[in-house]
Structure formats: C-alpha cells, structure tokens
Amino acid sequence: MNGGFIVLCGQVVLISGFCSIVTWIAVYSRLSAWWRYPLGQALVTAKLLVAALFALSILTAVFHLTGLFIEWLNVVLIGAMTPVMLWRTAVWLHLDRTDRLPSHDPPASAETVRGER
C-alpha cells in the first residue's frame, strides 16, 4: 500500500473532523443561547479548543507549516485542554450539586402522559 494514500486519508479525516466540529458549534449556536449558561459555555469552549487543534494539525499536515511558533502553539492548545476540562468538570459538579443538570430520565410514553397504564 502506498504511503501517500495514508497521508491523504489523514488529511481527509482532519478536514472532515474540523468541519464536523464547526458544524456542531454552528447548529448549537442556532438552537441554543449557549453563551448565557455555564454548561453551554463549557461545552462550546472545549469544542472550540478541539477545533483549534484540528486546524493546527491541518496547517501542519496539509500546508506543511512548521517552525517554533507552530510548535509552541501546539503546546499551548494541548496545555489549555487541562484547565478547560477542569472548568467543565467543575461546572457539571456544581450543576449536579444544585440539582440543575439536564434530566437523563427517559421520555414519558404517550400513555403515561395521558394517565393510561
């Protein structure tokens, strides 16, 4: 198997991964005012960070950008994941403690809603 094929596959999945994350952020932004709520802020911030990592990988893998600045940017973006995830965890724990987490209960059936059994 040609080594160029695996490189091409890597480039394709990087670009499609980046596009899927950006699409999710756009759809979530359209459907929800996430910026008003800590949970939404934590979700989108983490996704933006992952999108930035994908973008940097695209610049490196597809456009062959290299150098000390790119290396440091990579370190900063990866390093930012820890505080972002700690913040996200703290938000979830706070919402759980204050009983404000979205419910994970299964939706009620039509019969239950109407009082039938």
C-alpha atoms as a PDB file:
ATOM      1  CA  MET A   1       0.000   0.000   0.000  1.00  0.00           C
ATOM      2  CA  ASN A   2       1.274   3.432  -0.922  1.00  0.00           C
ATOM      3  CA  GLY A   3       2.382   5.693   1.962  1.00  0.00           C
ATOM      4  CA  GLY A   4       0.828   8.653   0.137  1.00  0.00           C
ATOM      5  CA  PHE A   5      -2.612   7.086   0.484  1.00  0.00           C
ATOM      6  CA  ILE A   6      -2.430   7.007   4.284  1.00  0.00           C
ATOM      7  CA  VAL A   7      -1.273  10.626   4.303  1.00  0.00           C
ATOM      8  CA  LEU A   8      -4.226  11.573   2.102  1.00  0.00           C
ATOM      9  CA  CYS A   9      -6.603   9.669   4.395  1.00  0.00           C
ATOM     10  CA  GLY A  10      -5.153  11.507   7.382  1.00  0.00           C
ATOM     11  CA  GLN A  11      -5.682  14.861   5.683  1.00  0.00           C
ATOM     12  CA  VAL A  12      -9.263  13.978   4.756  1.00  0.00           C
ATOM     13  CA  VAL A  13     -10.210  12.936   8.290  1.00  0.00           C
ATOM     14  CA  LEU A  14      -8.565  16.039   9.750  1.00  0.00           C
ATOM     15  CA  ILE A  15     -10.542  18.328   7.461  1.00  0.00           C
ATOM     16  CA  SER A  16     -13.804  16.416   7.921  1.00  0.00           C
ATOM     17  CA  GLY A  17     -13.298  16.337  11.696  1.00  0.00           C
ATOM     18  CA  PHE A  18     -12.725  20.091  11.777  1.00  0.00           C
ATOM     19  CA  CYS A  19     -15.797  20.695   9.614  1.00  0.00           C
ATOM     20  CA  SER A  20     -17.976  18.470  11.797  1.00  0.00           C
ATOM     21  CA  ILE A  21     -16.926  20.325  14.967  1.00  0.00           C
ATOM     22  CA  VAL A  22     -17.551  23.731  13.385  1.00  0.00           C
ATOM     23  CA  THR A  23     -20.931  22.486  12.119  1.00  0.00           C
ATOM     24  CA  TRP A  24     -21.876  21.286  15.614  1.00  0.00           C
ATOM     25  CA  ILE A  25     -20.948  24.680  17.089  1.00  0.00           C
ATOM     26  CA  ALA A  26     -22.989  26.476  14.413  1.00  0.00           C
ATOM     27  CA  VAL A  27     -26.047  24.262  14.940  1.00  0.00           C
ATOM     28  CA  TYR A  28     -25.775  24.507  18.730  1.00  0.00           C
ATOM     29  CA  SER A  29     -25.457  28.282  18.429  1.00  0.00           C
ATOM     30  CA  ARG A  30     -28.567  28.388  16.265  1.00  0.00           C
ATOM     31  CA  LEU A  31     -30.614  26.195  18.592  1.00  0.00           C
ATOM     32  CA  SER A  32     -29.418  27.461  21.965  1.00  0.00           C
ATOM     33  CA  ALA A  33     -28.143  30.666  23.564  1.00  0.00           C
ATOM     34  CA  TRP A  34     -25.241  28.653  24.999  1.00  0.00           C
ATOM     35  CA  TRP A  35     -23.221  31.773  25.850  1.00  0.00           C
ATOM     36  CA  ARG A  36     -25.745  32.628  28.583  1.00  0.00           C
ATOM     37  CA  TYR A  37     -25.255  29.423  30.568  1.00  0.00           C
ATOM     38  CA  PRO A  38     -22.180  27.892  32.211  1.00  0.00           C
ATOM     39  CA  LEU A  39     -22.874  24.433  30.790  1.00  0.00           C
ATOM     40  CA  GLY A  40     -23.148  25.756  27.237  1.00  0.00           C
ATOM     41  CA  GLN A  41     -20.043  27.890  27.702  1.00  0.00           C
ATOM     42  CA  ALA A  42     -18.088  24.874  28.937  1.00  0.00           C
ATOM     43  CA  LEU A  43     -19.291  22.669  26.066  1.00  0.00           C
ATOM     44  CA  VAL A  44     -18.528  25.171  23.326  1.00  0.00           C
ATOM     45  CA  THR A  45     -15.180  26.223  24.791  1.00  0.00           C
ATOM     46  CA  ALA A  46     -13.986  22.619  24.779  1.00  0.00           C
ATOM     47  CA  LYS A  47     -15.225  22.133  21.204  1.00  0.00           C
ATOM     48  CA  LEU A  48     -13.525  25.366  20.080  1.00  0.00           C
ATOM     49  CA  LEU A  49     -10.281  24.156  21.599  1.00  0.00           C
ATOM     50  CA  VAL A  50     -10.540  20.823  19.791  1.00  0.00           C
ATOM     51  CA  ALA A  51     -11.380  22.662  16.545  1.00  0.00           C
ATOM     52  CA  ALA A  52      -8.279  24.824  17.011  1.00  0.00           C
ATOM     53  CA  LEU A  53      -6.173  21.692  17.484  1.00  0.00           C
ATOM     54  CA  PHE A  54      -7.645  20.224  14.294  1.00  0.00           C
ATOM     55  CA  ALA A  55      -6.975  23.487  12.449  1.00  0.00           C
ATOM     56  CA  LEU A  56      -3.361  23.499  13.589  1.00  0.00           C
ATOM     57  CA  SER A  57      -2.986  19.876  12.517  1.00  0.00           C
ATOM     58  CA  ILE A  58      -4.437  20.778   9.117  1.00  0.00           C
ATOM     59  CA  LEU A  59      -1.950  23.628   8.742  1.00  0.00           C
ATOM     60  CA  THR A  60       0.867  21.226   9.552  1.00  0.00           C
ATOM     61  CA  ALA A  61      -0.288  18.137   7.633  1.00  0.00           C
ATOM     62  CA  VAL A  62      -1.872  19.740   4.572  1.00  0.00           C
ATOM     63  CA  PHE A  63       0.023  23.004   4.164  1.00  0.00           C
ATOM     64  CA  HIS A  64       3.289  21.806   5.746  1.00  0.00           C
ATOM     65  CA  LEU A  65       3.572  24.774   8.109  1.00  0.00           C
ATOM     66  CA  THR A  66       6.318  24.149  10.625  1.00  0.00           C
ATOM     67  CA  GLY A  67       8.530  26.094  12.929  1.00  0.00           C
ATOM     68  CA  LEU A  68       8.936  27.135  16.523  1.00  0.00           C
ATOM     69  CA  PHE A  69       5.746  29.229  16.569  1.00  0.00           C
ATOM     70  CA  ILE A  70       3.664  26.272  15.360  1.00  0.00           C
ATOM     71  CA  GLU A  71       5.310  24.008  17.943  1.00  0.00           C
ATOM     72  CA  TRP A  72       4.547  26.457  20.768  1.00  0.00           C
ATOM     73  CA  LEU A  73       1.008  26.987  19.545  1.00  0.00           C
ATOM     74  CA  ASN A  74       0.513  23.231  19.636  1.00  0.00           C
ATOM     75  CA  VAL A  75       1.863  23.070  23.209  1.00  0.00           C
ATOM     76  CA  VAL A  76      -0.394  25.957  24.296  1.00  0.00           C
ATOM     77  CA  LEU A  77      -3.521  24.449  22.724  1.00  0.00           C
ATOM     78  CA  ILE A  78      -2.894  20.999  24.176  1.00  0.00           C
ATOM     79  CA  GLY A  79      -1.951  22.557  27.513  1.00  0.00           C
ATOM     80  CA  ALA A  80      -5.195  24.556  27.536  1.00  0.00           C
ATOM     81  CA  MET A  81      -7.192  21.329  27.469  1.00  0.00           C
ATOM     82  CA  THR A  82      -6.486  20.570  31.148  1.00  0.00           C
ATOM     83  CA  PRO A  83      -7.857  23.820  32.618  1.00  0.00           C
ATOM     84  CA  VAL A  84     -10.801  23.781  30.196  1.00  0.00           C
ATOM     85  CA  MET A  85     -11.726  20.237  31.188  1.00  0.00           C
ATOM     86  CA  LEU A  86     -11.253  21.031  34.897  1.00  0.00           C
ATOM     87  CA  TRP A  87     -13.576  24.024  34.455  1.00  0.00           C
ATOM     88  CA  ARG A  88     -16.066  21.878  32.575  1.00  0.00           C
ATOM     89  CA  THR A  89     -15.949  19.268  35.346  1.00  0.00           C
ATOM     90  CA  ALA A  90     -16.475  21.943  37.998  1.00  0.00           C
ATOM     91  CA  VAL A  91     -19.496  23.281  36.104  1.00  0.00           C
ATOM     92  CA  TRP A  92     -21.035  19.801  35.868  1.00  0.00           C
ATOM     93  CA  LEU A  93     -20.391  19.098  39.559  1.00  0.00           C
ATOM     94  CA  HIS A  94     -21.893  22.442  40.565  1.00  0.00           C
ATOM     95  CA  LEU A  95     -24.982  21.844  38.434  1.00  0.00           C
ATOM     96  CA  ASP A  96     -25.343  18.363  39.899  1.00  0.00           C
ATOM     97  CA  ARG A  97     -24.970  19.659  43.456  1.00  0.00           C
ATOM     98  CA  THR A  98     -27.593  22.325  42.872  1.00  0.00           C
ATOM     99  CA  ASP A  99     -29.872  19.822  41.080  1.00  0.00           C
ATOM    100  CA  ARG A 100     -29.783  21.795  37.818  1.00  0.00           C
ATOM    101  CA  LEU A 101     -28.308  19.184  35.497  1.00  0.00           C
ATOM    102  CA  PRO A 102     -30.463  18.354  32.487  1.00  0.00           C
ATOM    103  CA  SER A 103     -32.555  15.289  33.196  1.00  0.00           C
ATOM    104  CA  HIS A 104     -31.427  11.964  31.821  1.00  0.00           C
ATOM    105  CA  ASP A 105     -34.761  10.303  32.560  1.00  0.00           C
ATOM    106  CA  PRO A 106     -36.275   8.545  29.563  1.00  0.00           C
ATOM    107  CA  PRO A 107     -39.122  10.486  27.985  1.00  0.00           C
ATOM    108  CA  ALA A 108     -42.542   9.528  29.226  1.00  0.00           C
ATOM    109  CA  SER A 109     -44.643   7.489  26.866  1.00  0.00           C
ATOM    110  CA  ALA A 110     -47.870   8.951  25.490  1.00  0.00           C
ATOM    111  CA  GLU A 111     -49.872   6.580  27.709  1.00  0.00           C
ATOM    112  CA  THR A 112     -48.080   7.749  30.857  1.00  0.00           C
ATOM    113  CA  VAL A 113     -48.574  11.389  29.927  1.00  0.00           C
ATOM    114  CA  ARG A 114     -52.309  10.826  29.440  1.00  0.00           C
ATOM    115  CA  GLY A 115     -52.517   8.852  32.692  1.00  0.00           C
ATOM    116  CA  GLU A 116     -53.099   5.486  30.993  1.00  0.00           C
ATOM    117  CA  ARG A 117     -51.292   2.333  32.030  1.00  0.00           C
END
